[in-house]
Structure formats: structure tokens, C-alpha cells
């Protein structure tokens, strides 16, 4: 389930970075992650699909950001998404990789 959530998060994150935000947000829940408002986490839950959809809004990405989820809030066995930038472009990585579908 976490792998699916991470894969969905990445698709949403890439769309958000391209500036294609919809007029009405499909994410009814949101919370700022810092006092300056440069990071905001939004999410929605599909109980029927047993899936959580995330959107992480990063204003002025200067170096990188790490987003993680785990059962108990620990780094061990956590699902992580890393987004970073340099002068040539923006990049991301996922740990562990999303499961391959047959």
C-alpha cells in the first residue's frame, strides 16, 4: 500500500512542479509544514481503493526536500521520496521503488 501511495505522490508532485494546479483542489486536507509557508502537505483518502493521495507543495526549491512515511515515525523501513535540484534541472528518487505490476 505504501508503494502505491508513494507512486501516486510522485505523479502528483511532478504535475505540481510543472505549474498545472487545478482550479479546485482534489485534496481537502492540508497543513503547512513550516512557519514561512514554503512547504504545504495536502492529502485525500480513498477508502474504497484503500489509497492515500499526497501533494507536497514546495515554494522556491533551493536544494532539496525529503518526504517520508513509516508506521511508527522512524526512518527504519520508511518509504522515502527525495526531490532535489541543481543548476541543470530537478530530480527525484524513491526508496523503496514502487512494486512492478505484472
Protein backbone atom coordinates (compact mmCIF):
# COMPACT_ATOMS: atom_id res chain seq x y z
CA UNK A 1 0.00 0.00 0.00
CA UNK A 2 2.84 2.41 0.82
CA UNK A 3 4.48 1.77 -2.56
CA UNK A 4 1.25 2.70 -4.34
CA UNK A 5 0.89 5.82 -2.20
CA UNK A 6 4.47 6.86 -3.00
CA UNK A 7 3.93 6.29 -6.74
CA UNK A 8 0.75 8.38 -6.69
CA UNK A 9 2.56 11.05 -4.69
CA UNK A 10 5.32 11.26 -7.31
CA UNK A 11 2.86 11.70 -10.16
CA UNK A 12 1.10 14.47 -8.28
CA UNK A 13 4.40 16.08 -7.30
CA UNK A 14 5.66 16.20 -10.89
CA UNK A 15 2.35 17.72 -12.04
CA UNK A 16 2.54 20.33 -9.26
CA UNK A 17 6.10 21.28 -10.17
CA UNK A 18 5.01 21.91 -13.76
CA UNK A 19 2.54 24.51 -12.53
CA UNK A 20 -0.59 22.66 -13.62
CA UNK A 21 -2.66 23.17 -10.47
CA UNK A 22 -6.39 22.61 -10.95
CA UNK A 23 -8.85 25.39 -10.12
CA UNK A 24 -10.43 23.31 -7.32
CA UNK A 25 -8.09 21.16 -5.29
CA UNK A 26 -8.84 17.42 -5.09
CA UNK A 27 -7.04 17.47 -1.72
CA UNK A 28 -9.46 18.55 1.01
CA UNK A 29 -6.94 18.10 3.84
CA UNK A 30 -3.83 20.27 4.12
CA UNK A 31 -1.35 21.56 6.66
CA UNK A 32 1.64 23.93 6.44
CA UNK A 33 4.89 22.19 7.38
CA UNK A 34 6.89 25.31 8.26
CA UNK A 35 6.15 28.78 9.70
CA UNK A 36 7.12 30.60 6.48
CA UNK A 37 4.62 28.64 4.37
CA UNK A 38 7.22 27.34 1.92
CA UNK A 39 6.10 23.71 2.43
CA UNK A 40 2.50 22.54 2.46
CA UNK A 41 1.26 18.96 2.61
CA UNK A 42 -2.17 18.14 1.17
CA UNK A 43 -3.86 14.77 1.00
CA UNK A 44 -7.02 12.89 0.20
CA UNK A 45 -8.14 9.40 1.16
CA UNK A 46 -9.98 6.86 -0.99
CA UNK A 47 -11.46 4.36 1.42
CA UNK A 48 -12.90 2.32 -1.46
CA UNK A 49 -9.45 1.93 -3.08
CA UNK A 50 -7.60 1.88 0.26
CA UNK A 51 -5.29 4.57 -1.13
CA UNK A 52 -3.95 7.87 0.17
CA UNK A 53 -3.10 10.61 -2.35
CA UNK A 54 -0.49 13.20 -1.36
CA UNK A 55 0.59 16.54 -2.76
CA UNK A 56 3.62 18.34 -1.39
CA UNK A 57 3.79 21.99 -2.41
CA UNK A 58 7.34 23.34 -2.28
CA UNK A 59 7.73 27.05 -2.95
CA UNK A 60 11.22 28.10 -4.04
CA UNK A 61 13.03 24.76 -4.00
CA UNK A 62 16.61 25.80 -3.25
CA UNK A 63 18.40 22.49 -2.68
CA UNK A 64 16.09 19.60 -1.94
CA UNK A 65 13.37 18.07 0.16
CA UNK A 66 12.86 14.64 1.74
CA UNK A 67 9.36 13.30 2.39
CA UNK A 68 8.87 10.06 4.27
CA UNK A 69 6.21 7.81 5.71
CA UNK A 70 6.52 4.98 8.20
CA UNK A 71 4.30 3.01 10.53
CA UNK A 72 5.89 4.41 13.67
CA UNK A 73 7.57 7.65 12.55
CA UNK A 74 11.04 6.09 12.35
CA UNK A 75 13.48 6.19 9.45
CA UNK A 76 14.00 2.42 9.50
CA UNK A 77 11.67 0.69 6.97
CA UNK A 78 10.22 4.07 5.93
CA UNK A 79 9.06 4.91 2.42
CA UNK A 80 11.02 7.96 1.26
CA UNK A 81 10.74 10.40 -1.62
CA UNK A 82 13.70 12.68 -2.35
CA UNK A 83 13.46 15.75 -4.58
CA UNK A 84 16.48 17.89 -5.32
CA UNK A 85 17.64 20.47 -7.80
CA UNK A 86 20.84 21.89 -9.22
CA UNK A 87 21.58 24.37 -11.98
CA UNK A 88 20.76 21.81 -14.68
CA UNK A 89 17.35 20.52 -13.55
CA UNK A 90 15.19 18.87 -10.92
CA UNK A 91 15.42 15.21 -9.91
CA UNK A 92 13.62 12.75 -7.65
CA UNK A 93 14.13 9.31 -6.19
CA UNK A 94 12.02 6.78 -4.30
CA UNK A 95 13.03 4.28 -1.64
CA UNK A 96 11.93 1.53 -1.84
CA UNK A 97 10.98 1.56 -5.53
CA UNK A 98 7.28 1.13 -6.33
CA UNK A 99 6.29 -2.51 -6.95
CA UNK A 100 6.22 -3.67 -10.55
CA UNK A 101 2.83 -4.72 -11.86
CA UNK A 102 2.57 -7.91 -13.92
